[in-house]
Amino acid sequence: MKTVARHFSISGWEKLMSIDARTAAKTAATYYEAISGEPAKLTIEEIELDEDNRFWFITLGISDGYGGAGIIGSIGSMGSRIRDYKIFKIDSNTGEVKSMKIRKV
């Protein structure tokens, strides 16, 4: 994949941003799958670049399956899916994941 560099002028000096929103979102998804070690259905919920253009904040929706375990869990949840949300802070220059946090809804 080709990396696209973008320049932004911030208070008289220039900052290089090496990764775009799509790359940041893919990085977040890859990171989650590597850390969790479990297959999950991931959806991109929110993408934000901070005011200084230093960090991408990517919110992923994560469906691991149905609520609870086994038959009792399925009955108790009435078949509704459990969805968690995680916010990933990604350095816009290096693409390094700086943090993964739970997003409360």
C-alpha atoms as a PDB file:
ATOM      1  CA  MET A   1       0.000   0.000   0.000  1.00  0.00           C
ATOM      2  CA  LYS A   2       1.298   3.420  -0.927  1.00  0.00           C
ATOM      3  CA  THR A   3       1.626   5.911   1.947  1.00  0.00           C
ATOM      4  CA  VAL A   4       0.384   9.389   1.167  1.00  0.00           C
ATOM      5  CA  ALA A   5       2.026  12.277   2.992  1.00  0.00           C
ATOM      6  CA  ARG A   6       0.061  15.455   3.607  1.00  0.00           C
ATOM      7  CA  HIS A   7       1.363  18.762   4.889  1.00  0.00           C
ATOM      8  CA  PHE A   8      -0.592  21.005   7.239  1.00  0.00           C
ATOM      9  CA  SER A   9       0.470  24.482   8.266  1.00  0.00           C
ATOM     10  CA  ILE A  10       0.064  24.909  12.019  1.00  0.00           C
ATOM     11  CA  SER A  11       0.914  28.250  13.645  1.00  0.00           C
ATOM     12  CA  GLY A  12       3.626  29.078  11.134  1.00  0.00           C
ATOM     13  CA  TRP A  13       5.314  25.663  10.975  1.00  0.00           C
ATOM     14  CA  GLU A  14       4.582  22.641   8.865  1.00  0.00           C
ATOM     15  CA  LYS A  15       3.701  19.194  10.108  1.00  0.00           C
ATOM     16  CA  LEU A  16       3.877  16.027   8.039  1.00  0.00           C
ATOM     17  CA  MET A  17       0.958  13.611   8.322  1.00  0.00           C
ATOM     18  CA  SER A  18       1.896  10.251   6.822  1.00  0.00           C
ATOM     19  CA  ILE A  19      -1.299   8.227   7.189  1.00  0.00           C
ATOM     20  CA  ASP A  20      -4.841   8.968   6.079  1.00  0.00           C
ATOM     21  CA  ALA A  21      -8.161   8.053   7.726  1.00  0.00           C
ATOM     22  CA  ARG A  22      -8.506   4.761   5.835  1.00  0.00           C
ATOM     23  CA  THR A  23      -5.046   3.589   6.904  1.00  0.00           C
ATOM     24  CA  ALA A  24      -5.700   4.626  10.508  1.00  0.00           C
ATOM     25  CA  ALA A  25      -8.972   2.648  10.551  1.00  0.00           C
ATOM     26  CA  LYS A  26      -7.272  -0.444   9.109  1.00  0.00           C
ATOM     27  CA  THR A  27      -4.493  -0.097  11.683  1.00  0.00           C
ATOM     28  CA  ALA A  28      -7.049   0.005  14.514  1.00  0.00           C
ATOM     29  CA  ALA A  29      -8.829  -3.110  13.216  1.00  0.00           C
ATOM     30  CA  THR A  30      -5.584  -5.042  12.746  1.00  0.00           C
ATOM     31  CA  TYR A  31      -4.401  -4.022  16.217  1.00  0.00           C
ATOM     32  CA  TYR A  32      -7.654  -5.169  17.853  1.00  0.00           C
ATOM     33  CA  GLU A  33      -7.560  -8.550  16.129  1.00  0.00           C
ATOM     34  CA  ALA A  34      -3.900  -9.065  17.110  1.00  0.00           C
ATOM     35  CA  ILE A  35      -4.482  -8.121  20.764  1.00  0.00           C
ATOM     36  CA  SER A  36      -7.775  -9.952  21.291  1.00  0.00           C
ATOM     37  CA  GLY A  37      -6.819 -13.096  19.409  1.00  0.00           C
ATOM     38  CA  GLU A  38     -10.519 -13.650  18.725  1.00  0.00           C
ATOM     39  CA  PRO A  39     -12.495 -13.223  15.519  1.00  0.00           C
ATOM     40  CA  ALA A  40     -15.015 -10.403  15.721  1.00  0.00           C
ATOM     41  CA  LYS A  41     -17.225  -8.423  13.403  1.00  0.00           C
ATOM     42  CA  LEU A  42     -15.768  -4.916  13.330  1.00  0.00           C
ATOM     43  CA  THR A  43     -17.475  -1.783  12.062  1.00  0.00           C
ATOM     44  CA  ILE A  44     -16.059   1.711  11.767  1.00  0.00           C
ATOM     45  CA  GLU A  45     -18.244   3.999  13.862  1.00  0.00           C
ATOM     46  CA  GLU A  46     -16.317   7.279  14.110  1.00  0.00           C
ATOM     47  CA  ILE A  47     -13.130   8.813  12.710  1.00  0.00           C
ATOM     48  CA  GLU A  48     -11.629  12.030  14.050  1.00  0.00           C
ATOM     49  CA  LEU A  49      -8.340  13.843  13.500  1.00  0.00           C
ATOM     50  CA  ASP A  50      -7.412  16.022  16.482  1.00  0.00           C
ATOM     51  CA  GLU A  51      -7.030  19.792  16.123  1.00  0.00           C
ATOM     52  CA  ASP A  52      -3.227  19.574  15.945  1.00  0.00           C
ATOM     53  CA  ASN A  53      -3.357  16.843  13.262  1.00  0.00           C
ATOM     54  CA  ARG A  54      -1.185  14.664  15.509  1.00  0.00           C
ATOM     55  CA  PHE A  55      -3.562  11.794  16.301  1.00  0.00           C
ATOM     56  CA  TRP A  56      -6.398   9.903  14.685  1.00  0.00           C
ATOM     57  CA  PHE A  57      -9.170   8.743  17.020  1.00  0.00           C
ATOM     58  CA  ILE A  58     -10.896   5.713  15.527  1.00  0.00           C
ATOM     59  CA  THR A  59     -13.998   4.219  17.166  1.00  0.00           C
ATOM     60  CA  LEU A  60     -14.736   0.620  16.213  1.00  0.00           C
ATOM     61  CA  GLY A  61     -17.939  -1.259  16.980  1.00  0.00           C
ATOM     62  CA  ILE A  62     -17.165  -4.843  17.944  1.00  0.00           C
ATOM     63  CA  SER A  63     -19.677  -7.709  17.844  1.00  0.00           C
ATOM     64  CA  ASP A  64     -18.331 -10.852  19.465  1.00  0.00           C
ATOM     65  CA  GLY A  65     -21.553 -12.830  19.167  1.00  0.00           C
ATOM     66  CA  TYR A  66     -24.702 -13.236  21.165  1.00  0.00           C
ATOM     67  CA  GLY A  67     -25.093 -12.337  24.834  1.00  0.00           C
ATOM     68  CA  GLY A  68     -24.100 -14.827  27.488  1.00  0.00           C
ATOM     69  CA  ALA A  69     -22.886 -18.362  27.034  1.00  0.00           C
ATOM     70  CA  GLY A  70     -24.796 -21.315  25.698  1.00  0.00           C
ATOM     71  CA  ILE A  71     -28.569 -21.773  25.676  1.00  0.00           C
ATOM     72  CA  ILE A  72     -29.237 -19.877  28.905  1.00  0.00           C
ATOM     73  CA  GLY A  73     -27.259 -16.884  27.676  1.00  0.00           C
ATOM     74  CA  SER A  74     -29.134 -16.895  24.372  1.00  0.00           C
ATOM     75  CA  ILE A  75     -32.508 -17.050  26.119  1.00  0.00           C
ATOM     76  CA  GLY A  76     -31.544 -14.329  28.585  1.00  0.00           C
ATOM     77  CA  SER A  77     -30.395 -11.957  25.877  1.00  0.00           C
ATOM     78  CA  MET A  78     -33.371 -12.821  23.624  1.00  0.00           C
ATOM     79  CA  GLY A  79     -30.913 -13.215  20.749  1.00  0.00           C
ATOM     80  CA  SER A  80     -29.672  -9.631  20.846  1.00  0.00           C
ATOM     81  CA  ARG A  81     -26.106  -9.036  19.822  1.00  0.00           C
ATOM     82  CA  ILE A  82     -23.584  -7.658  22.260  1.00  0.00           C
ATOM     83  CA  ARG A  83     -21.726  -4.674  20.817  1.00  0.00           C
ATOM     84  CA  ASP A  84     -18.771  -3.014  22.454  1.00  0.00           C
ATOM     85  CA  TYR A  85     -17.063   0.151  21.308  1.00  0.00           C
ATOM     86  CA  LYS A  86     -13.339   0.845  21.461  1.00  0.00           C
ATOM     87  CA  ILE A  87     -11.507   4.096  20.753  1.00  0.00           C
ATOM     88  CA  PHE A  88      -8.032   3.821  19.240  1.00  0.00           C
ATOM     89  CA  LYS A  89      -5.564   6.714  19.384  1.00  0.00           C
ATOM     90  CA  ILE A  90      -3.175   6.450  16.441  1.00  0.00           C
ATOM     91  CA  ASP A  91      -0.165   8.655  15.716  1.00  0.00           C
ATOM     92  CA  SER A  92      -0.915  10.355  12.380  1.00  0.00           C
ATOM     93  CA  ASN A  93       2.766  10.468  11.441  1.00  0.00           C
ATOM     94  CA  THR A  94       3.986   6.976  12.348  1.00  0.00           C
ATOM     95  CA  GLY A  95       0.746   4.961  12.380  1.00  0.00           C
ATOM     96  CA  GLU A  96       1.610   3.616  15.838  1.00  0.00           C
ATOM     97  CA  VAL A  97      -1.330   2.740  18.091  1.00  0.00           C
ATOM     98  CA  LYS A  98      -0.900   4.788  21.271  1.00  0.00           C
ATOM     99  CA  SER A  99      -3.969   3.551  23.158  1.00  0.00           C
ATOM    100  CA  MET A 100      -7.130   1.458  23.019  1.00  0.00           C
ATOM    101  CA  LYS A 101      -9.931   2.464  25.386  1.00  0.00           C
ATOM    102  CA  ILE A 102     -13.490   1.375  26.073  1.00  0.00           C
ATOM    103  CA  ARG A 103     -16.100   3.843  24.859  1.00  0.00           C
ATOM    104  CA  LYS A 104     -19.111   4.013  27.147  1.00  0.00           C
ATOM    105  CA  VAL A 105     -22.521   4.450  25.528  1.00  0.00           C
END
